[in-house]
Amino acid sequence: MSATVTPTGGRMPALYLSHGAPPLADDELWPGQLAAWSAGLPRPTAILMISAHWEEAPLALGATETVPLVHDFWGFPEHYYRVRYAAPGAPELAERVRKTLRGAGTPVQDIPDRGLDHGAYVPLVEMYPGAEIPVLQVSMPTLDPRRLMEIGRKLAPLRDEGVLIVGSGFFTHNLAALRHAGSGPPAWSAEFDAWGREVLDGRDVDALLDFENKSPAGRLAHPRTEHFAPLFVTLGAAEDELDRQRSVIDGFWMGLAKRSVQFG
């Protein structure tokens, strides 16, 4: 990362995206949607990823030199395990994150052999296939929405240095309930997605923070909340630009809402 490089417009957006599973690459529509999204963004100096698939406390920084991949899935065809994404590490960004968070009272640890899990590399393969932009993944030290939003607030200044902050989850995520679903998205997925679109459009952060109680079918859409949780880091990082949000991708994939949102 170079703090001297300023993206077009002076500030990077902050994103929440639904990342899909490894078979996303074979979908007829979704890879092109992700590619078109990244093509319309200013070019980042580095990417900071917060994925649903890494919970670690205190907050941990992943690999900063050679960045391996974590194939954290089972039972897929062999070719999904052969995917490579040799992005450069981001040691300068890691140092900025350490100083920023520790200076604000948030403990930080380093796990230098922890690579990019599929919540990070699966969308990045489609968005930045050249793997030329430095990437740093950090863990979620909690699933508490307010604490995650506060972490996002602390990371927000990195956007002015060209860093693309990406929360990567899935807008609805209940694989067990999907097994009993018929054709089309199940009602709980469609209802939660419609509610989420409405409260995002209305900038109702309080409702989002209490989504388990305020949303229809919230506990069915997210029986465990790790796939919605990255949204709160993004919200914190973009708190002063909530009036500049838009859903870039919507619709459903295998019954799950793939809503993905840009702030700024």
C-alpha atoms as a PDB file:
ATOM      1  CA  MET A   1       0.000   0.000   0.000  1.00  0.00           C
ATOM      2  CA  SER A   2       1.163   3.500  -0.757  1.00  0.00           C
ATOM      3  CA  ALA A   3      -0.353   6.348   1.214  1.00  0.00           C
ATOM      4  CA  THR A   4       0.730   8.763  -1.528  1.00  0.00           C
ATOM      5  CA  VAL A   5      -1.608   7.277  -4.135  1.00  0.00           C
ATOM      6  CA  THR A   6      -5.108   8.779  -3.981  1.00  0.00           C
ATOM      7  CA  PRO A   7      -7.933   7.061  -5.872  1.00  0.00           C
ATOM      8  CA  THR A   8     -10.233   8.896  -8.231  1.00  0.00           C
ATOM      9  CA  GLY A   9     -12.701  10.900  -6.166  1.00  0.00           C
ATOM     10  CA  GLY A  10     -10.306  11.055  -3.208  1.00  0.00           C
ATOM     11  CA  ARG A  11     -11.888   8.283  -1.174  1.00  0.00           C
ATOM     12  CA  MET A  12     -12.615   4.620  -1.688  1.00  0.00           C
ATOM     13  CA  PRO A  13     -16.133   3.270  -1.229  1.00  0.00           C
ATOM     14  CA  ALA A  14     -16.809   0.607   1.390  1.00  0.00           C
ATOM     15  CA  LEU A  15     -18.532  -2.616   0.321  1.00  0.00           C
ATOM     16  CA  TYR A  16     -20.605  -5.412   1.740  1.00  0.00           C
ATOM     17  CA  LEU A  17     -20.859  -8.316  -0.665  1.00  0.00           C
ATOM     18  CA  SER A  18     -22.442 -11.725  -0.683  1.00  0.00           C
ATOM     19  CA  HIS A  19     -19.551 -13.982  -1.555  1.00  0.00           C
ATOM     20  CA  GLY A  20     -21.060 -17.260  -2.678  1.00  0.00           C
ATOM     21  CA  ALA A  21     -19.493 -20.690  -2.451  1.00  0.00           C
ATOM     22  CA  PRO A  22     -16.743 -21.983  -4.772  1.00  0.00           C
ATOM     23  CA  PRO A  23     -19.299 -22.895  -7.511  1.00  0.00           C
ATOM     24  CA  LEU A  24     -20.033 -19.171  -7.918  1.00  0.00           C
ATOM     25  CA  ALA A  25     -17.389 -19.266 -10.655  1.00  0.00           C
ATOM     26  CA  ASP A  26     -19.696 -21.485 -12.735  1.00  0.00           C
ATOM     27  CA  ASP A  27     -22.776 -19.271 -12.425  1.00  0.00           C
ATOM     28  CA  GLU A  28     -23.927 -17.669 -15.680  1.00  0.00           C
ATOM     29  CA  LEU A  29     -24.666 -14.252 -14.165  1.00  0.00           C
ATOM     30  CA  TRP A  30     -22.928 -13.581 -10.869  1.00  0.00           C
ATOM     31  CA  PRO A  31     -19.229 -13.519 -11.895  1.00  0.00           C
ATOM     32  CA  GLY A  32     -20.026 -10.890 -14.530  1.00  0.00           C
ATOM     33  CA  GLN A  33     -21.907  -8.813 -11.970  1.00  0.00           C
ATOM     34  CA  LEU A  34     -18.906  -8.821  -9.633  1.00  0.00           C
ATOM     35  CA  ALA A  35     -16.524  -7.993 -12.477  1.00  0.00           C
ATOM     36  CA  ALA A  36     -18.692  -5.087 -13.621  1.00  0.00           C
ATOM     37  CA  TRP A  37     -18.862  -3.789 -10.053  1.00  0.00           C
ATOM     38  CA  SER A  38     -15.100  -3.688  -9.607  1.00  0.00           C
ATOM     39  CA  ALA A  39     -14.632  -2.142 -13.058  1.00  0.00           C
ATOM     40  CA  GLY A  40     -16.723   0.815 -11.929  1.00  0.00           C
ATOM     41  CA  LEU A  41     -14.738   1.419  -8.734  1.00  0.00           C
ATOM     42  CA  PRO A  42     -11.646   3.577  -8.294  1.00  0.00           C
ATOM     43  CA  ARG A  43      -8.559   1.379  -8.310  1.00  0.00           C
ATOM     44  CA  PRO A  44      -7.611   0.486  -4.728  1.00  0.00           C
ATOM     45  CA  THR A  45      -4.088   0.705  -3.386  1.00  0.00           C
ATOM     46  CA  ALA A  46      -4.926  -2.289  -1.161  1.00  0.00           C
ATOM     47  CA  ILE A  47      -7.938  -4.376  -0.134  1.00  0.00           C
ATOM     48  CA  LEU A  48      -8.914  -5.040   3.479  1.00  0.00           C
ATOM     49  CA  MET A  49     -11.177  -8.105   3.712  1.00  0.00           C
ATOM     50  CA  ILE A  50     -13.439  -9.045   6.620  1.00  0.00           C
ATOM     51  CA  SER A  51     -14.971 -12.449   5.923  1.00  0.00           C
ATOM     52  CA  ALA A  52     -17.733 -14.412   7.609  1.00  0.00           C
ATOM     53  CA  HIS A  53     -15.351 -17.361   7.690  1.00  0.00           C
ATOM     54  CA  TRP A  54     -12.757 -16.019  10.091  1.00  0.00           C
ATOM     55  CA  GLU A  55     -13.683 -15.441  13.710  1.00  0.00           C
ATOM     56  CA  GLU A  56     -10.714 -14.906  15.998  1.00  0.00           C
ATOM     57  CA  ALA A  57     -10.309 -12.891  19.173  1.00  0.00           C
ATOM     58  CA  PRO A  58      -8.546 -10.648  19.713  1.00  0.00           C
ATOM     59  CA  LEU A  59      -8.768  -9.260  16.197  1.00  0.00           C
ATOM     60  CA  ALA A  60      -6.142 -10.994  14.059  1.00  0.00           C
ATOM     61  CA  LEU A  61      -4.209  -9.947  10.981  1.00  0.00           C
ATOM     62  CA  GLY A  62      -3.550 -12.650   8.423  1.00  0.00           C
ATOM     63  CA  ALA A  63      -0.596 -13.258   6.141  1.00  0.00           C
ATOM     64  CA  THR A  64       1.256 -10.143   4.998  1.00  0.00           C
ATOM     65  CA  GLU A  65       4.049 -11.594   2.853  1.00  0.00           C
ATOM     66  CA  THR A  66       3.185 -14.678   0.798  1.00  0.00           C
ATOM     67  CA  VAL A  67      -0.595 -14.972   1.063  1.00  0.00           C
ATOM     68  CA  PRO A  68      -1.845 -18.582   0.843  1.00  0.00           C
ATOM     69  CA  LEU A  69      -5.430 -19.708   0.334  1.00  0.00           C
ATOM     70  CA  VAL A  70      -7.517 -21.545   2.907  1.00  0.00           C
ATOM     71  CA  HIS A  71      -9.751 -24.106   1.182  1.00  0.00           C
ATOM     72  CA  ASP A  72     -12.224 -24.123   4.056  1.00  0.00           C
ATOM     73  CA  PHE A  73     -14.922 -26.246   2.424  1.00  0.00           C
ATOM     74  CA  TRP A  74     -15.598 -29.934   1.980  1.00  0.00           C
ATOM     75  CA  GLY A  75     -17.200 -32.268  -0.515  1.00  0.00           C
ATOM     76  CA  PHE A  76     -16.742 -30.161  -3.649  1.00  0.00           C
ATOM     77  CA  PRO A  77     -15.267 -31.386  -6.954  1.00  0.00           C
ATOM     78  CA  GLU A  78     -11.476 -31.414  -7.072  1.00  0.00           C
ATOM     79  CA  HIS A  79     -11.070 -28.462  -9.439  1.00  0.00           C
ATOM     80  CA  TYR A  80     -12.363 -26.045  -6.806  1.00  0.00           C
ATOM     81  CA  TYR A  81      -9.377 -26.947  -4.641  1.00  0.00           C
ATOM     82  CA  ARG A  82      -6.970 -26.114  -7.463  1.00  0.00           C
ATOM     83  CA  VAL A  83      -8.003 -22.447  -7.619  1.00  0.00           C
ATOM     84  CA  ARG A  84      -5.108 -20.074  -6.999  1.00  0.00           C
ATOM     85  CA  TYR A  85      -5.089 -16.391  -6.142  1.00  0.00           C
ATOM     86  CA  ALA A  86      -1.533 -15.191  -5.656  1.00  0.00           C
ATOM     87  CA  ALA A  87      -2.260 -11.669  -4.431  1.00  0.00           C
ATOM     88  CA  PRO A  88       0.667  -9.745  -2.939  1.00  0.00           C
ATOM     89  CA  GLY A  89       0.676  -9.218   0.785  1.00  0.00           C
ATOM     90  CA  ALA A  90       0.018  -5.840   2.348  1.00  0.00           C
ATOM     91  CA  PRO A  91       2.545  -5.359   5.177  1.00  0.00           C
ATOM     92  CA  GLU A  92       2.211  -1.566   5.110  1.00  0.00           C
ATOM     93  CA  LEU A  93      -1.562  -1.809   5.430  1.00  0.00           C
ATOM     94  CA  ALA A  94      -1.132  -4.324   8.256  1.00  0.00           C
ATOM     95  CA  GLU A  95       1.042  -1.860  10.131  1.00  0.00           C
ATOM     96  CA  ARG A  96      -1.507   0.907   9.626  1.00  0.00           C
ATOM     97  CA  VAL A  97      -4.291  -1.369  10.938  1.00  0.00           C
ATOM     98  CA  ARG A  98      -2.185  -2.311  13.984  1.00  0.00           C
ATOM     99  CA  LYS A  99      -1.426   1.293  14.862  1.00  0.00           C
ATOM    100  CA  THR A 100      -4.956   2.514  14.173  1.00  0.00           C
ATOM    101  CA  LEU A 101      -6.714  -0.142  16.217  1.00  0.00           C
ATOM    102  CA  ARG A 102      -4.227  -0.389  19.066  1.00  0.00           C
ATOM    103  CA  GLY A 103      -4.152   3.379  19.348  1.00  0.00           C
ATOM    104  CA  ALA A 104      -7.932   3.293  19.761  1.00  0.00           C
ATOM    105  CA  GLY A 105      -7.763   0.576  22.424  1.00  0.00           C
ATOM    106  CA  THR A 106      -8.540  -2.489  20.284  1.00  0.00           C
ATOM    107  CA  PRO A 107      -6.146  -5.425  20.825  1.00  0.00           C
ATOM    108  CA  VAL A 108      -4.566  -6.853  17.677  1.00  0.00           C
ATOM    109  CA  GLN A 109      -2.653 -10.081  17.111  1.00  0.00           C
ATOM    110  CA  ASP A 110      -0.786 -11.464  14.110  1.00  0.00           C
ATOM    111  CA  ILE A 111      -1.357 -14.917  12.602  1.00  0.00           C
ATOM    112  CA  PRO A 112       1.150 -14.742   9.749  1.00  0.00           C
ATOM    113  CA  ASP A 113       0.370 -18.138   8.219  1.00  0.00           C
ATOM    114  CA  ARG A 114      -3.383 -17.503   7.944  1.00  0.00           C
ATOM    115  CA  GLY A 115      -4.358 -17.064   4.298  1.00  0.00           C
ATOM    116  CA  LEU A 116      -7.451 -15.942   2.426  1.00  0.00           C
ATOM    117  CA  ASP A 117     -10.509 -18.105   3.015  1.00  0.00           C
ATOM    118  CA  HIS A 118     -13.190 -18.613   0.372  1.00  0.00           C
ATOM    119  CA  GLY A 119     -15.178 -15.642   1.672  1.00  0.00           C
ATOM    120  CA  ALA A 120     -12.229 -13.519   0.571  1.00  0.00           C
ATOM    121  CA  TYR A 121     -10.735 -15.122  -2.516  1.00  0.00           C
ATOM    122  CA  VAL A 122     -13.879 -16.418  -4.259  1.00  0.00           C
ATOM    123  CA  PRO A 123     -15.223 -12.888  -4.950  1.00  0.00           C
ATOM    124  CA  LEU A 124     -11.744 -11.436  -5.500  1.00  0.00           C
ATOM    125  CA  VAL A 125     -11.051 -13.938  -8.282  1.00  0.00           C
ATOM    126  CA  GLU A 126     -14.021 -12.461 -10.144  1.00  0.00           C
ATOM    127  CA  MET A 127     -13.472  -8.807  -9.211  1.00  0.00           C
ATOM    128  CA  TYR A 128      -9.686  -8.540  -9.514  1.00  0.00           C
ATOM    129  CA  PRO A 129      -8.608 -11.646 -11.467  1.00  0.00           C
ATOM    130  CA  GLY A 130      -5.088 -10.366 -12.054  1.00  0.00           C
ATOM    131  CA  ALA A 131      -4.365 -10.717  -8.314  1.00  0.00           C
ATOM    132  CA  GLU A 132      -2.129  -7.657  -8.505  1.00  0.00           C
ATOM    133  CA  ILE A 133      -3.656  -5.612  -5.657  1.00  0.00           C
ATOM    134  CA  PRO A 134      -2.271  -6.236  -2.143  1.00  0.00           C
ATOM    135  CA  VAL A 135      -4.798  -7.956   0.116  1.00  0.00           C
ATOM    136  CA  LEU A 136      -4.986  -8.216   3.898  1.00  0.00           C
ATOM    137  CA  GLN A 137      -7.631 -10.282   5.656  1.00  0.00           C
ATOM    138  CA  VAL A 138      -8.517  -9.553   9.260  1.00  0.00           C
ATOM    139  CA  SER A 139     -10.696 -11.568  11.595  1.00  0.00           C
ATOM    140  CA  MET A 140     -13.957 -10.698  13.274  1.00  0.00           C
ATOM    141  CA  PRO A 141     -13.207 -10.738  17.011  1.00  0.00           C
ATOM    142  CA  THR A 142     -16.919 -10.780  17.866  1.00  0.00           C
ATOM    143  CA  LEU A 143     -20.323 -11.133  16.222  1.00  0.00           C
ATOM    144  CA  ASP A 144     -21.793  -8.276  18.234  1.00  0.00           C
ATOM    145  CA  PRO A 145     -23.087  -5.732  15.682  1.00  0.00           C
ATOM    146  CA  ARG A 146     -22.256  -2.655  17.756  1.00  0.00           C
ATOM    147  CA  ARG A 147     -18.714  -3.763  18.482  1.00  0.00           C
ATOM    148  CA  LEU A 148     -18.148  -4.592  14.825  1.00  0.00           C
ATOM    149  CA  MET A 149     -19.512  -1.220  13.781  1.00  0.00           C
ATOM    150  CA  GLU A 150     -17.077   0.456  16.167  1.00  0.00           C
ATOM    151  CA  ILE A 151     -14.186  -1.443  14.561  1.00  0.00           C
ATOM    152  CA  GLY A 152     -15.394  -0.181  11.185  1.00  0.00           C
ATOM    153  CA  ARG A 153     -15.393   3.405  12.508  1.00  0.00           C
ATOM    154  CA  LYS A 154     -11.783   3.020  13.563  1.00  0.00           C
ATOM    155  CA  LEU A 155     -10.799   1.646  10.159  1.00  0.00           C
ATOM    156  CA  ALA A 156     -12.670   4.334   8.210  1.00  0.00           C
ATOM    157  CA  PRO A 157      -9.633   6.659   7.723  1.00  0.00           C
ATOM    158  CA  LEU A 158      -7.972   3.969   5.616  1.00  0.00           C
ATOM    159  CA  ARG A 159     -10.494   4.716   2.891  1.00  0.00           C
ATOM    160  CA  ASP A 160      -8.801   8.092   2.394  1.00  0.00           C
ATOM    161  CA  GLU A 161      -5.546   6.236   1.689  1.00  0.00           C
ATOM    162  CA  GLY A 162      -6.992   4.220  -1.165  1.00  0.00           C
ATOM    163  CA  VAL A 163      -7.944   1.123   0.842  1.00  0.00           C
ATOM    164  CA  LEU A 164     -11.053  -0.750  -0.273  1.00  0.00           C
ATOM    165  CA  ILE A 165     -12.778  -2.094   2.855  1.00  0.00           C
ATOM    166  CA  VAL A 166     -14.881  -5.163   2.037  1.00  0.00           C
ATOM    167  CA  GLY A 167     -17.216  -6.996   4.393  1.00  0.00           C
ATOM    168  CA  SER A 168     -17.877 -10.406   2.845  1.00  0.00           C
ATOM    169  CA  GLY A 169     -20.815 -12.519   3.978  1.00  0.00           C
ATOM    170  CA  PHE A 170     -24.207 -13.547   2.585  1.00  0.00           C
ATOM    171  CA  PHE A 171     -27.353 -11.457   2.939  1.00  0.00           C
ATOM    172  CA  THR A 172     -29.313 -14.556   3.959  1.00  0.00           C
ATOM    173  CA  HIS A 173     -27.658 -17.774   5.074  1.00  0.00           C
ATOM    174  CA  ASN A 174     -29.440 -20.869   6.353  1.00  0.00           C
ATOM    175  CA  LEU A 175     -28.195 -23.917   4.497  1.00  0.00           C
ATOM    176  CA  ALA A 176     -30.150 -26.366   6.664  1.00  0.00           C
ATOM    177  CA  ALA A 177     -33.482 -24.696   5.886  1.00  0.00           C
ATOM    178  CA  LEU A 178     -32.639 -24.611   2.184  1.00  0.00           C
ATOM    179  CA  ARG A 179     -32.689 -28.403   2.088  1.00  0.00           C
ATOM    180  CA  HIS A 180     -36.429 -28.243   2.694  1.00  0.00           C
ATOM    181  CA  ALA A 181     -37.133 -25.394   0.266  1.00  0.00           C
ATOM    182  CA  GLY A 182     -38.985 -25.860  -2.997  1.00  0.00           C
ATOM    183  CA  SER A 183     -38.365 -23.988  -6.229  1.00  0.00           C
ATOM    184  CA  GLY A 184     -37.502 -20.320  -5.972  1.00  0.00           C
ATOM    185  CA  PRO A 185     -36.248 -18.559  -2.871  1.00  0.00           C
ATOM    186  CA  PRO A 186     -37.919 -19.670   0.364  1.00  0.00           C
ATOM    187  CA  ALA A 187     -40.238 -17.145   2.022  1.00  0.00           C
ATOM    188  CA  TRP A 188     -37.845 -16.451   4.896  1.00  0.00           C
ATOM    189  CA  SER A 189     -35.046 -15.522   2.476  1.00  0.00           C
ATOM    190  CA  ALA A 190     -37.248 -13.298   0.304  1.00  0.00           C
ATOM    191  CA  GLU A 191     -38.851 -11.570   3.298  1.00  0.00           C
ATOM    192  CA  PHE A 192     -35.548 -10.830   5.000  1.00  0.00           C
ATOM    193  CA  ASP A 193     -34.050  -9.539   1.756  1.00  0.00           C
ATOM    194  CA  ALA A 194     -36.992  -7.185   1.168  1.00  0.00           C
ATOM    195  CA  TRP A 195     -36.761  -5.912   4.742  1.00  0.00           C
ATOM    196  CA  GLY A 196     -33.011  -5.424   4.420  1.00  0.00           C
ATOM    197  CA  ARG A 197     -33.407  -3.413   1.235  1.00  0.00           C
ATOM    198  CA  GLU A 198     -36.017  -1.197   2.898  1.00  0.00           C
ATOM    199  CA  VAL A 199     -34.023  -0.442   6.048  1.00  0.00           C
ATOM    200  CA  LEU A 200     -30.844   0.182   4.058  1.00  0.00           C
ATOM    201  CA  ASP A 201     -32.711   2.599   1.804  1.00  0.00           C
ATOM    202  CA  GLY A 202     -34.131   4.254   4.924  1.00  0.00           C
ATOM    203  CA  ARG A 203     -30.717   4.363   6.632  1.00  0.00           C
ATOM    204  CA  ASP A 204     -32.273   2.750   9.699  1.00  0.00           C
ATOM    205  CA  VAL A 205     -29.094   1.659  11.434  1.00  0.00           C
ATOM    206  CA  ASP A 206     -30.892   0.907  14.698  1.00  0.00           C
ATOM    207  CA  ALA A 207     -33.091  -1.650  12.945  1.00  0.00           C
ATOM    208  CA  LEU A 208     -30.062  -3.242  11.286  1.00  0.00           C
ATOM    209  CA  LEU A 209     -28.213  -3.479  14.600  1.00  0.00           C
ATOM    210  CA  ASP A 210     -31.214  -5.300  16.093  1.00  0.00           C
ATOM    211  CA  PHE A 211     -31.959  -7.327  12.973  1.00  0.00           C
ATOM    212  CA  GLU A 212     -32.572 -10.568  14.854  1.00  0.00           C
ATOM    213  CA  ASN A 213     -35.608  -9.005  16.527  1.00  0.00           C
ATOM    214  CA  LYS A 214     -36.671  -6.281  14.088  1.00  0.00           C
ATOM    215  CA  SER A 215     -36.633  -8.239  10.828  1.00  0.00           C
ATOM    216  CA  PRO A 216     -39.139 -10.794   9.552  1.00  0.00           C
ATOM    217  CA  ALA A 217     -37.719 -14.306   9.757  1.00  0.00           C
ATOM    218  CA  GLY A 218     -34.399 -12.924  11.016  1.00  0.00           C
ATOM    219  CA  ARG A 219     -33.545 -16.009  13.017  1.00  0.00           C
ATOM    220  CA  LEU A 220     -34.377 -18.230  10.069  1.00  0.00           C
ATOM    221  CA  ALA A 221     -32.407 -16.099   7.610  1.00  0.00           C
ATOM    222  CA  HIS A 222     -29.440 -16.100  10.007  1.00  0.00           C
ATOM    223  CA  PRO A 223     -29.639 -18.879  12.623  1.00  0.00           C
ATOM    224  CA  ARG A 224     -26.019 -17.987  13.279  1.00  0.00           C
ATOM    225  CA  THR A 225     -25.158 -14.421  12.387  1.00  0.00           C
ATOM    226  CA  GLU A 226     -21.609 -14.607  11.030  1.00  0.00           C
ATOM    227  CA  HIS A 227     -22.679 -14.009   7.417  1.00  0.00           C
ATOM    228  CA  PHE A 228     -24.549 -10.797   8.230  1.00  0.00           C
ATOM    229  CA  ALA A 229     -21.934  -9.583  10.719  1.00  0.00           C
ATOM    230  CA  PRO A 230     -19.404  -8.210   8.168  1.00  0.00           C
ATOM    231  CA  LEU A 231     -22.041  -5.675   7.108  1.00  0.00           C
ATOM    232  CA  PHE A 232     -21.553  -3.882  10.425  1.00  0.00           C
ATOM    233  CA  VAL A 233     -17.838  -3.325   9.842  1.00  0.00           C
ATOM    234  CA  THR A 234     -18.767  -1.814   6.478  1.00  0.00           C
ATOM    235  CA  LEU A 235     -21.468   0.342   8.087  1.00  0.00           C
ATOM    236  CA  GLY A 236     -18.994   1.667  10.632  1.00  0.00           C
ATOM    237  CA  ALA A 237     -16.417   2.420   7.949  1.00  0.00           C
ATOM    238  CA  ALA A 238     -19.023   4.346   5.931  1.00  0.00           C
ATOM    239  CA  GLU A 239     -21.103   5.842   8.724  1.00  0.00           C
ATOM    240  CA  ASP A 240     -20.865   9.382   7.354  1.00  0.00           C
ATOM    241  CA  GLU A 241     -21.992   8.260   3.883  1.00  0.00           C
ATOM    242  CA  LEU A 242     -25.034   6.130   4.604  1.00  0.00           C
ATOM    243  CA  ASP A 243     -27.061   8.412   2.361  1.00  0.00           C
ATOM    244  CA  ARG A 244     -24.819   7.298  -0.509  1.00  0.00           C
ATOM    245  CA  GLN A 245     -25.598   3.590  -0.508  1.00  0.00           C
ATOM    246  CA  ARG A 246     -26.975   1.423  -3.244  1.00  0.00           C
ATOM    247  CA  SER A 247     -27.544  -2.252  -3.832  1.00  0.00           C
ATOM    248  CA  VAL A 248     -25.245  -3.131  -6.723  1.00  0.00           C
ATOM    249  CA  ILE A 249     -26.263  -6.805  -6.898  1.00  0.00           C
ATOM    250  CA  ASP A 250     -29.547  -8.345  -5.830  1.00  0.00           C
ATOM    251  CA  GLY A 251     -31.552 -11.472  -6.548  1.00  0.00           C
ATOM    252  CA  PHE A 252     -31.012 -14.989  -5.244  1.00  0.00           C
ATOM    253  CA  TRP A 253     -28.535 -17.810  -5.697  1.00  0.00           C
ATOM    254  CA  MET A 254     -29.641 -21.288  -4.670  1.00  0.00           C
ATOM    255  CA  GLY A 255     -32.350 -19.625  -2.575  1.00  0.00           C
ATOM    256  CA  LEU A 256     -30.043 -17.256  -0.694  1.00  0.00           C
ATOM    257  CA  ALA A 257     -30.219 -13.490  -1.131  1.00  0.00           C
ATOM    258  CA  LYS A 258     -27.046 -12.257  -2.798  1.00  0.00           C
ATOM    259  CA  ARG A 259     -27.705  -8.551  -2.088  1.00  0.00           C
ATOM    260  CA  SER A 260     -24.427  -6.640  -2.170  1.00  0.00           C
ATOM    261  CA  VAL A 261     -24.149  -2.996  -1.212  1.00  0.00           C
ATOM    262  CA  GLN A 262     -21.803  -0.081  -1.911  1.00  0.00           C
ATOM    263  CA  PHE A 263     -21.440   2.927   0.374  1.00  0.00           C
ATOM    264  CA  GLY A 264     -19.817   6.044  -1.008  1.00  0.00           C
END
